[in-house]
Amino acid sequence: MRRYLVTTRRSDRGSVLSARDALAAEPGVTLVNSDDPHMVTIDATEDVANRLRDKLHQTYFVEPEIRRSLD
């Protein structure tokens, strides 16, 4: 599993479900952090993330989380 960020497009906030609510019943998704309901961190397989992108692309961004180290 990989970690992904799912965010609600700013232009759609207030008129669509939050990212947290949109993902609540999605199979194969584990919510890791949903403190900000419009920007949630999830664990999912690549196949599930691709399915979410295809399904939600008009109102949400689904992107892999990128961690960088300054070592």
N, C-alpha and C. Protein backbone atom coordinates (compact mmCIF):
# COMPACT_ATOMS: atom_id res chain seq x y z
N MET A 1 0.83 -1.19 0.00
CA MET A 1 0.00 0.00 0.00
C MET A 1 0.87 1.24 0.00
N ARG A 2 0.33 2.25 -0.62
CA ARG A 2 1.01 3.54 -0.65
C ARG A 2 0.12 4.58 0.01
N ARG A 3 0.72 5.70 0.29
CA ARG A 3 -0.01 6.80 0.93
C ARG A 3 -0.34 7.86 -0.13
N TYR A 4 -1.56 8.37 -0.06
CA TYR A 4 -2.05 9.36 -1.02
C TYR A 4 -2.71 10.51 -0.29
N LEU A 5 -2.68 11.68 -0.93
CA LEU A 5 -3.43 12.84 -0.45
C LEU A 5 -4.63 13.01 -1.37
N VAL A 6 -5.79 13.20 -0.77
CA VAL A 6 -7.00 13.46 -1.54
C VAL A 6 -7.52 14.82 -1.08
N THR A 7 -7.65 15.73 -2.03
CA THR A 7 -8.08 17.09 -1.69
C THR A 7 -9.29 17.48 -2.54
N THR A 8 -10.17 18.27 -1.92
CA THR A 8 -11.31 18.82 -2.63
C THR A 8 -10.82 20.04 -3.41
N ARG A 9 -11.20 20.13 -4.66
CA ARG A 9 -10.83 21.32 -5.44
C ARG A 9 -11.41 22.55 -4.77
N ARG A 10 -10.62 23.61 -4.65
CA ARG A 10 -11.07 24.83 -3.95
C ARG A 10 -12.33 25.40 -4.56
N SER A 11 -12.42 25.36 -5.86
CA SER A 11 -13.59 25.95 -6.52
C SER A 11 -14.87 25.19 -6.21
N ASP A 12 -14.74 23.95 -5.73
CA ASP A 12 -15.91 23.12 -5.44
C ASP A 12 -16.25 23.04 -3.95
N ARG A 13 -15.38 23.57 -3.10
CA ARG A 13 -15.65 23.50 -1.66
C ARG A 13 -16.94 24.23 -1.33
N GLY A 14 -17.74 23.62 -0.49
CA GLY A 14 -19.01 24.19 -0.12
C GLY A 14 -20.17 23.71 -0.98
N SER A 15 -19.85 23.18 -2.17
CA SER A 15 -20.92 22.70 -3.04
C SER A 15 -20.88 21.19 -3.26
N VAL A 16 -19.83 20.53 -2.74
CA VAL A 16 -19.71 19.07 -2.85
C VAL A 16 -19.33 18.52 -1.47
N LEU A 17 -19.40 17.21 -1.33
CA LEU A 17 -18.96 16.58 -0.10
C LEU A 17 -17.47 16.87 0.11
N SER A 18 -17.06 16.91 1.37
CA SER A 18 -15.63 17.03 1.65
C SER A 18 -14.94 15.75 1.16
N ALA A 19 -13.64 15.82 0.99
CA ALA A 19 -12.88 14.64 0.58
C ALA A 19 -13.08 13.50 1.59
N ARG A 20 -13.09 13.84 2.87
CA ARG A 20 -13.29 12.83 3.92
C ARG A 20 -14.64 12.13 3.73
N ASP A 21 -15.69 12.89 3.51
CA ASP A 21 -17.01 12.30 3.34
C ASP A 21 -17.12 11.51 2.04
N ALA A 22 -16.47 11.99 0.98
CA ALA A 22 -16.52 11.29 -0.30
C ALA A 22 -15.82 9.93 -0.23
N LEU A 23 -14.83 9.81 0.65
CA LEU A 23 -14.07 8.56 0.76
C LEU A 23 -14.59 7.62 1.84
N ALA A 24 -15.53 8.07 2.65
CA ALA A 24 -15.95 7.32 3.84
C ALA A 24 -16.38 5.89 3.53
N ALA A 25 -17.07 5.67 2.44
CA ALA A 25 -17.59 4.34 2.14
C ALA A 25 -16.83 3.63 1.01
N GLU A 26 -15.69 4.19 0.61
CA GLU A 26 -14.94 3.59 -0.49
C GLU A 26 -14.19 2.34 -0.02
N PRO A 27 -14.38 1.21 -0.70
CA PRO A 27 -13.65 0.00 -0.32
C PRO A 27 -12.17 0.12 -0.65
N GLY A 28 -11.34 -0.45 0.21
CA GLY A 28 -9.90 -0.47 -0.03
C GLY A 28 -9.17 0.79 0.40
N VAL A 29 -9.87 1.68 1.10
CA VAL A 29 -9.29 2.95 1.53
C VAL A 29 -9.22 2.98 3.05
N THR A 30 -8.03 3.30 3.57
CA THR A 30 -7.85 3.49 5.01
C THR A 30 -7.50 4.94 5.25
N LEU A 31 -8.36 5.64 6.00
CA LEU A 31 -8.08 7.04 6.35
C LEU A 31 -6.96 7.09 7.37
N VAL A 32 -5.93 7.85 7.08
CA VAL A 32 -4.79 8.00 7.98
C VAL A 32 -4.90 9.31 8.76
N ASN A 33 -5.28 10.38 8.05
CA ASN A 33 -5.42 11.67 8.69
C ASN A 33 -6.55 12.42 7.99
N SER A 34 -7.53 12.83 8.77
CA SER A 34 -8.64 13.57 8.19
C SER A 34 -8.99 14.79 9.05
N ASP A 35 -7.97 15.36 9.70
CA ASP A 35 -8.20 16.56 10.52
C ASP A 35 -8.80 17.69 9.70
N ASP A 36 -8.30 17.88 8.48
CA ASP A 36 -8.89 18.83 7.54
C ASP A 36 -9.76 18.01 6.59
N PRO A 37 -11.07 18.14 6.65
CA PRO A 37 -11.93 17.27 5.85
C PRO A 37 -11.77 17.44 4.34
N HIS A 38 -11.17 18.54 3.91
CA HIS A 38 -10.97 18.76 2.48
C HIS A 38 -9.59 18.32 2.00
N MET A 39 -8.72 17.88 2.91
CA MET A 39 -7.40 17.37 2.54
C MET A 39 -7.09 16.19 3.46
N VAL A 40 -7.33 14.99 2.95
CA VAL A 40 -7.16 13.80 3.77
C VAL A 40 -6.01 12.95 3.25
N THR A 41 -5.40 12.23 4.15
CA THR A 41 -4.34 11.29 3.82
C THR A 41 -4.92 9.89 3.94
N ILE A 42 -4.67 9.08 2.92
CA ILE A 42 -5.19 7.71 2.91
C ILE A 42 -4.09 6.73 2.58
N ASP A 43 -4.30 5.49 2.96
CA ASP A 43 -3.50 4.37 2.48
C ASP A 43 -4.38 3.59 1.51
N ALA A 44 -3.82 3.26 0.36
CA ALA A 44 -4.57 2.51 -0.66
C ALA A 44 -3.59 1.87 -1.63
N THR A 45 -4.04 0.85 -2.32
CA THR A 45 -3.22 0.26 -3.36
C THR A 45 -3.24 1.20 -4.57
N GLU A 46 -2.33 0.98 -5.48
CA GLU A 46 -2.28 1.80 -6.69
C GLU A 46 -3.56 1.62 -7.51
N ASP A 47 -4.09 0.40 -7.56
CA ASP A 47 -5.33 0.15 -8.29
C ASP A 47 -6.50 0.93 -7.71
N VAL A 48 -6.61 0.95 -6.39
CA VAL A 48 -7.68 1.70 -5.74
C VAL A 48 -7.50 3.20 -5.99
N ALA A 49 -6.28 3.69 -5.89
CA ALA A 49 -6.02 5.11 -6.15
C ALA A 49 -6.39 5.48 -7.59
N ASN A 50 -6.07 4.62 -8.53
CA ASN A 50 -6.43 4.88 -9.93
C ASN A 50 -7.95 4.90 -10.11
N ARG A 51 -8.64 3.98 -9.44
CA ARG A 51 -10.10 3.94 -9.50
C ARG A 51 -10.69 5.23 -8.92
N LEU A 52 -10.12 5.69 -7.80
CA LEU A 52 -10.59 6.94 -7.19
C LEU A 52 -10.35 8.13 -8.12
N ARG A 53 -9.19 8.17 -8.75
CA ARG A 53 -8.90 9.26 -9.70
C ARG A 53 -9.94 9.29 -10.81
N ASP A 54 -10.22 8.11 -11.37
CA ASP A 54 -11.19 8.03 -12.47
C ASP A 54 -12.59 8.45 -12.00
N LYS A 55 -12.96 8.05 -10.81
CA LYS A 55 -14.31 8.33 -10.29
C LYS A 55 -14.47 9.77 -9.82
N LEU A 56 -13.44 10.34 -9.20
CA LEU A 56 -13.57 11.61 -8.50
C LEU A 56 -12.88 12.79 -9.18
N HIS A 57 -12.31 12.58 -10.35
CA HIS A 57 -11.42 13.58 -10.95
C HIS A 57 -12.04 14.96 -11.18
N GLN A 58 -13.35 15.07 -11.26
CA GLN A 58 -13.95 16.37 -11.53
C GLN A 58 -14.00 17.27 -10.30
N THR A 59 -13.95 16.67 -9.11
CA THR A 59 -14.09 17.49 -7.90
C THR A 59 -12.97 17.29 -6.87
N TYR A 60 -12.12 16.27 -7.07
CA TYR A 60 -11.07 15.97 -6.09
C TYR A 60 -9.77 15.64 -6.80
N PHE A 61 -8.65 15.95 -6.13
CA PHE A 61 -7.33 15.53 -6.59
C PHE A 61 -6.93 14.31 -5.78
N VAL A 62 -6.36 13.31 -6.43
CA VAL A 62 -5.81 12.13 -5.75
C VAL A 62 -4.36 12.01 -6.20
N GLU A 63 -3.44 12.30 -5.29
CA GLU A 63 -2.01 12.32 -5.63
C GLU A 63 -1.20 11.54 -4.61
N PRO A 64 -0.13 10.88 -5.06
CA PRO A 64 0.72 10.19 -4.08
C PRO A 64 1.39 11.18 -3.14
N GLU A 65 1.51 10.79 -1.90
CA GLU A 65 2.21 11.62 -0.93
C GLU A 65 3.71 11.52 -1.21
N ILE A 66 4.37 12.65 -1.26
CA ILE A 66 5.81 12.69 -1.50
C ILE A 66 6.49 13.23 -0.27
N ARG A 67 7.41 12.46 0.25
CA ARG A 67 8.18 12.89 1.43
C ARG A 67 9.62 13.13 1.00
N ARG A 68 10.11 14.23 1.40
CA ARG A 68 11.49 14.57 1.07
C ARG A 68 12.27 14.77 2.35
N SER A 69 13.52 14.38 2.31
CA SER A 69 14.39 14.54 3.46
C SER A 69 15.50 15.49 3.10
N LEU A 70 15.92 16.28 4.06
CA LEU A 70 17.00 17.23 3.83
C LEU A 70 18.33 16.71 4.41
N ASP A 71 18.45 15.41 4.52
CA ASP A 71 19.68 14.82 5.07
C ASP A 71 20.88 15.10 4.20
